[in-house]
Amino acid sequence: MKKYSKLKTALVVAIMSFSMINTVIAADAPIELKGDVIEYNAQTDMAIATGGVTIIRDGGVLTGGQATYNFKTQEASITGGVTANKDDMNLKAESLISNANQEVVAKGSVVLVKADNTLTGEEIHYNQATSDISMPLGGNATGPQADIRGDVLSGNLMTNQYTATGNVYLNSKTNDVQSTSDTATYSGNGQDFNFVATGNVNIKSPSRNIVTNSDNATYNSTENGKLVLTGNAVATQNGNIVRGNTLTVYLGDNVNIE
């Protein structure tokens, strides 16, 4: 019974935990589970592995201090210095929970790295089926193009689109544009990106020596860096100040204010 329970525990925990890393695992894939103690309770249909837990399957490795799996609800829970590594995705957290709907919740100093993108926060929700992420306690998303952070952050790892609320900061690495606001939505693709910011918007571009303030702003890098400011708009460059309800600033090769 003990031998069977060990294999059953390894199978389920590996499948549920590694679902977060966009990997389809075959039913006959080899599994290896290591732990100081492994227990299975037939009455509750629960399996628990404790002490230096390591799960290896299909090239992926999951480690932690304790892993629990509920066969009735198909929910897996891993705690204690959790790490998950598979292909171009790596995750570190204090705890991780996954369910039958391919939804993962990682908590405690979470760092999630996928290819060139890095997410950091105290709590990250990830949906393997849709690539949606949410960070209800706030966090930061960093990629080759830009950094964005806020008190609440959500987005999609496939489309590279994010929405931030509360103390939002956006930094474009490729276009040298920084923005702070109450809320913002961001979308990036290669060198091009656009964003919409609302509420107490402050934007600057140090290389162009320009600073703007407005109630709202939209930016599109593909239109010669077109920045449209609306509501109490002010743009300052080299000591010159332009005010209006609506201002259009081009932050491309040739800076221009309209």
Protein backbone atom coordinates (compact mmCIF):
# COMPACT_ATOMS: atom_id res chain seq x y z
CA MET A 1 0.00 0.00 0.00
CA LYS A 2 2.78 2.39 0.79
CA LYS A 3 4.50 1.79 -2.54
CA TYR A 4 1.25 2.40 -4.42
CA SER A 5 0.47 5.56 -2.48
CA LYS A 6 3.89 7.01 -3.25
CA LEU A 7 3.43 6.54 -6.98
CA LYS A 8 -0.09 7.95 -6.88
CA THR A 9 1.03 10.98 -4.92
CA ALA A 10 3.87 11.71 -7.31
CA LEU A 11 1.66 11.41 -10.36
CA VAL A 12 -1.05 13.82 -9.23
CA VAL A 13 1.12 16.47 -7.58
CA ALA A 14 3.46 16.60 -10.56
CA ILE A 15 0.63 17.02 -13.05
CA MET A 16 -1.18 19.71 -11.08
CA SER A 17 1.90 21.67 -10.14
CA PHE A 18 3.49 21.65 -13.57
CA SER A 19 0.25 22.66 -15.29
CA MET A 20 1.32 26.25 -14.55
CA ILE A 21 4.24 26.06 -16.92
CA ASN A 22 2.32 25.58 -20.15
CA THR A 23 3.29 21.94 -20.53
CA VAL A 24 1.01 19.13 -21.64
CA ILE A 25 2.13 16.03 -19.75
CA ALA A 26 1.45 12.59 -21.14
CA ALA A 27 -0.25 10.11 -18.83
CA ASP A 28 2.61 7.62 -19.18
CA ALA A 29 5.41 10.15 -18.51
CA PRO A 30 7.94 8.89 -15.93
CA ILE A 31 7.66 10.36 -12.43
CA GLU A 32 10.08 10.61 -9.54
CA LEU A 33 9.05 11.77 -6.06
CA LYS A 34 11.51 12.25 -3.21
CA GLY A 35 10.70 13.13 0.39
CA ASP A 36 11.57 12.17 3.94
CA VAL A 37 8.01 10.96 4.61
CA ILE A 38 5.20 10.14 2.17
CA GLU A 39 1.72 9.26 3.46
CA TYR A 40 -1.63 8.42 1.86
CA ASN A 41 -4.99 8.41 3.68
CA ALA A 42 -7.57 6.26 1.90
CA GLN A 43 -10.47 7.63 4.00
CA THR A 44 -9.86 11.28 3.13
CA ASP A 45 -8.27 10.51 -0.24
CA MET A 46 -5.38 12.82 0.67
CA ALA A 47 -1.66 12.32 0.00
CA ILE A 48 1.10 14.19 1.84
CA ALA A 49 4.85 14.30 1.17
CA THR A 50 7.05 16.08 3.73
CA GLY A 51 10.73 16.91 4.15
CA GLY A 52 12.90 17.89 1.20
CA VAL A 53 10.21 17.19 -1.37
CA THR A 54 11.32 16.93 -5.00
CA ILE A 55 9.07 16.02 -7.91
CA ILE A 56 10.63 15.34 -11.31
CA ARG A 57 8.57 14.76 -14.41
CA ASP A 58 8.97 15.29 -18.14
CA GLY A 59 12.04 17.50 -17.66
CA GLY A 60 10.39 19.67 -15.01
CA VAL A 61 11.45 19.91 -11.36
CA LEU A 62 9.32 21.06 -8.43
CA THR A 63 10.75 21.37 -4.92
CA GLY A 64 9.37 22.35 -1.53
CA GLY A 65 9.12 21.41 2.10
CA GLN A 66 5.68 19.77 1.90
CA ALA A 67 3.25 18.75 -0.83
CA THR A 68 -0.42 17.83 -0.32
CA TYR A 69 -2.88 16.52 -2.89
CA ASN A 70 -6.64 16.02 -2.60
CA PHE A 71 -7.82 13.33 -5.00
CA LYS A 72 -11.48 14.39 -4.65
CA THR A 73 -11.02 18.07 -5.53
CA GLN A 74 -7.83 17.60 -7.60
CA GLU A 75 -6.20 20.41 -5.66
CA ALA A 76 -2.45 20.39 -5.01
CA SER A 77 -0.73 22.49 -2.35
CA ILE A 78 3.05 22.96 -1.94
CA THR A 79 4.72 24.96 0.82
CA GLY A 80 8.17 25.75 2.12
CA GLY A 81 10.61 27.40 -0.26
CA VAL A 82 8.78 26.35 -3.42
CA THR A 83 10.60 26.30 -6.74
CA ALA A 84 9.27 25.20 -10.13
CA ASN A 85 11.47 24.96 -13.22
CA LYS A 86 10.50 23.92 -16.72
CA ASP A 87 11.91 25.05 -20.07
CA ASP A 88 11.92 28.89 -20.08
CA MET A 89 9.75 29.32 -16.97
CA ASN A 90 11.03 29.46 -13.41
CA LEU A 91 9.07 30.23 -10.27
CA LYS A 92 9.98 30.83 -6.64
CA ALA A 93 7.47 31.31 -3.83
CA GLU A 94 6.71 30.42 -0.25
CA SER A 95 3.62 28.44 -1.24
CA LEU A 96 1.72 27.31 -4.34
CA ILE A 97 -1.79 25.95 -4.93
CA SER A 98 -3.14 24.56 -8.21
CA ASN A 99 -6.55 23.13 -9.11
CA ALA A 100 -8.32 21.12 -11.79
CA ASN A 101 -9.05 24.25 -13.84
CA GLN A 102 -5.33 24.82 -14.51
CA GLU A 103 -5.33 27.81 -12.17
CA VAL A 104 -2.30 28.43 -9.99
CA VAL A 105 -1.93 30.73 -6.99
CA ALA A 106 1.60 31.41 -5.72
CA LYS A 107 2.13 33.40 -2.52
CA GLY A 108 5.01 34.87 -0.57
CA SER A 109 7.82 36.80 -2.28
CA VAL A 110 6.84 35.36 -5.66
CA VAL A 111 9.22 35.63 -8.60
CA LEU A 112 7.93 34.28 -11.90
CA VAL A 113 10.25 34.32 -14.92
CA LYS A 114 8.97 33.41 -18.37
CA ALA A 115 11.41 33.88 -21.25
CA ASP A 116 12.43 37.58 -21.08
CA ASN A 117 9.60 38.59 -18.75
CA THR A 118 9.78 38.72 -14.95
CA LEU A 119 6.87 39.14 -12.53
CA THR A 120 7.42 39.90 -8.85
CA GLY A 121 4.86 40.30 -6.07
CA GLU A 122 3.44 38.85 -2.89
CA GLU A 123 0.70 36.93 -4.72
CA ILE A 124 0.44 35.87 -8.35
CA HIS A 125 -2.53 34.10 -9.95
CA TYR A 126 -1.76 32.33 -13.22
CA ASN A 127 -4.11 30.55 -15.62
CA GLN A 128 -2.26 28.04 -17.76
CA ALA A 129 -5.08 27.71 -20.29
CA THR A 130 -5.40 31.43 -21.05
CA SER A 131 -1.97 32.80 -19.95
CA ASP A 132 -3.80 35.40 -17.84
CA ILE A 133 -2.07 36.66 -14.70
CA SER A 134 -3.28 38.79 -11.83
CA MET A 135 -1.51 40.28 -8.82
CA PRO A 136 -4.19 41.45 -6.35
CA LEU A 137 -1.61 42.64 -3.81
CA GLY A 138 0.36 44.60 -6.39
CA GLY A 139 3.62 43.91 -8.09
CA ASN A 140 5.92 44.57 -10.99
CA ALA A 141 6.13 43.23 -14.54
CA THR A 142 9.44 43.66 -16.33
CA GLY A 143 10.26 42.86 -19.94
CA PRO A 144 12.71 43.87 -22.68
CA GLN A 145 10.51 46.84 -23.64
CA ALA A 146 9.13 48.19 -20.41
CA ASP A 147 8.49 47.95 -16.69
CA ILE A 148 5.03 48.44 -15.19
CA ARG A 149 3.92 48.28 -11.59
CA GLY A 150 0.88 49.14 -9.50
CA ASP A 151 -1.07 48.35 -6.34
CA VAL A 152 -3.11 45.90 -8.44
CA LEU A 153 -1.73 44.41 -11.64
CA SER A 154 -3.20 42.06 -14.25
CA GLY A 155 -2.29 41.02 -17.76
CA ASN A 156 -1.52 38.28 -20.23
CA LEU A 157 1.87 36.69 -20.81
CA MET A 158 1.10 35.79 -24.43
CA THR A 159 -0.23 39.17 -25.61
CA ASN A 160 2.04 41.23 -23.33
CA GLN A 161 -0.87 43.42 -22.26
CA TYR A 162 -1.19 44.74 -18.71
CA THR A 163 -3.57 46.83 -16.63
CA ALA A 164 -2.41 48.52 -13.43
CA THR A 165 -4.34 50.40 -10.76
CA GLY A 166 -3.05 52.53 -7.89
CA ASN A 167 0.33 54.27 -7.80
CA VAL A 168 1.07 53.16 -11.34
CA TYR A 169 4.56 53.51 -12.77
CA LEU A 170 5.44 52.75 -16.38
CA ASN A 171 8.92 52.91 -17.86
CA SER A 172 9.57 52.44 -21.57
CA LYS A 173 13.13 51.19 -21.98
CA THR A 174 13.09 51.39 -25.78
CA ASN A 175 11.52 54.87 -26.08
CA ASP A 176 12.72 56.63 -22.91
CA VAL A 177 9.24 57.53 -21.67
CA GLN A 178 8.28 57.29 -18.00
CA SER A 179 4.76 57.74 -16.67
CA THR A 180 3.02 57.83 -13.29
CA SER A 181 -0.77 57.78 -12.91
CA ASP A 182 -3.73 56.39 -10.99
CA THR A 183 -4.48 53.74 -13.62
CA ALA A 184 -2.91 52.59 -16.88
CA THR A 185 -3.21 49.97 -19.60
CA TYR A 186 -0.17 48.90 -21.58
CA SER A 187 0.37 46.83 -24.71
CA GLY A 188 3.74 46.02 -26.26
CA ASN A 189 4.91 44.22 -29.39
CA GLY A 190 8.59 44.22 -30.29
CA GLN A 191 9.92 47.79 -30.27
CA ASP A 192 6.42 49.25 -30.51
CA PHE A 193 4.04 49.87 -27.63
CA ASN A 194 1.11 52.01 -26.54
CA PHE A 195 -0.50 52.93 -23.26
CA VAL A 196 -3.48 54.79 -21.84
CA ALA A 197 -3.06 56.53 -18.48
CA THR A 198 -5.75 58.20 -16.39
CA GLY A 199 -5.75 60.26 -13.22
CA ASN A 200 -2.89 62.54 -12.15
CA VAL A 201 -0.80 61.66 -15.17
CA ASN A 202 2.83 62.75 -15.16
CA ILE A 203 5.04 61.84 -18.11
CA LYS A 204 8.66 62.64 -18.77
CA SER A 205 11.34 61.86 -21.32
CA PRO A 206 14.79 62.79 -19.96
CA SER A 207 16.58 62.37 -23.29
CA ARG A 208 14.17 64.88 -24.85
CA ASN A 209 14.16 67.16 -21.80
CA ILE A 210 10.36 67.20 -21.74
CA VAL A 211 7.86 66.87 -18.86
CA THR A 212 4.06 66.76 -19.11
CA ASN A 213 1.12 66.77 -16.71
CA SER A 214 -2.54 66.07 -17.46
CA ASP A 215 -5.69 64.32 -16.31
CA ASN A 216 -5.42 61.68 -19.03
CA ALA A 217 -2.93 60.61 -21.68
CA THR A 218 -2.56 58.18 -24.58
CA TYR A 219 0.72 57.21 -26.21
CA ASN A 220 1.51 55.32 -29.40
CA SER A 221 5.11 54.72 -30.40
CA THR A 222 4.18 53.77 -33.99
CA GLU A 223 2.87 57.30 -34.73
CA ASN A 224 6.18 59.11 -34.24
CA GLY A 225 5.78 58.71 -30.50
CA LYS A 226 2.40 60.44 -30.44
CA LEU A 227 1.36 61.51 -26.95
CA VAL A 228 -2.11 63.05 -26.53
CA LEU A 229 -2.74 64.87 -23.25
CA THR A 230 -6.28 65.81 -22.20
CA GLY A 231 -7.58 67.72 -19.21
CA ASN A 232 -5.45 70.45 -17.61
CA ALA A 233 -2.59 69.59 -19.96
CA VAL A 234 0.83 71.15 -19.48
CA ALA A 235 4.00 70.39 -21.43
CA THR A 236 7.41 71.81 -20.53
CA GLN A 237 10.60 71.59 -22.60
CA ASN A 238 13.81 73.57 -22.18
CA GLY A 239 12.00 76.09 -19.97
CA ASN A 240 9.20 76.64 -22.48
CA ILE A 241 5.67 75.90 -21.23
CA VAL A 242 2.57 75.07 -23.29
CA ARG A 243 -0.87 74.76 -21.67
CA GLY A 244 -4.25 73.66 -22.97
CA ASN A 245 -7.17 71.34 -22.49
CA THR A 246 -5.73 69.08 -25.18
CA LEU A 247 -2.10 68.90 -26.25
CA THR A 248 -0.44 66.58 -28.73
CA VAL A 249 3.25 65.89 -28.25
CA TYR A 250 5.35 63.90 -30.70
CA LEU A 251 8.24 62.13 -28.97
CA GLY A 252 9.70 60.51 -32.07
CA ASP A 253 12.77 61.59 -34.02
CA ASN A 254 11.56 65.20 -34.09
CA VAL A 255 9.94 66.47 -30.89
CA ASN A 256 6.92 68.64 -31.61
CA ILE A 257 4.10 70.06 -29.46
CA GLU A 258 0.70 70.98 -30.91
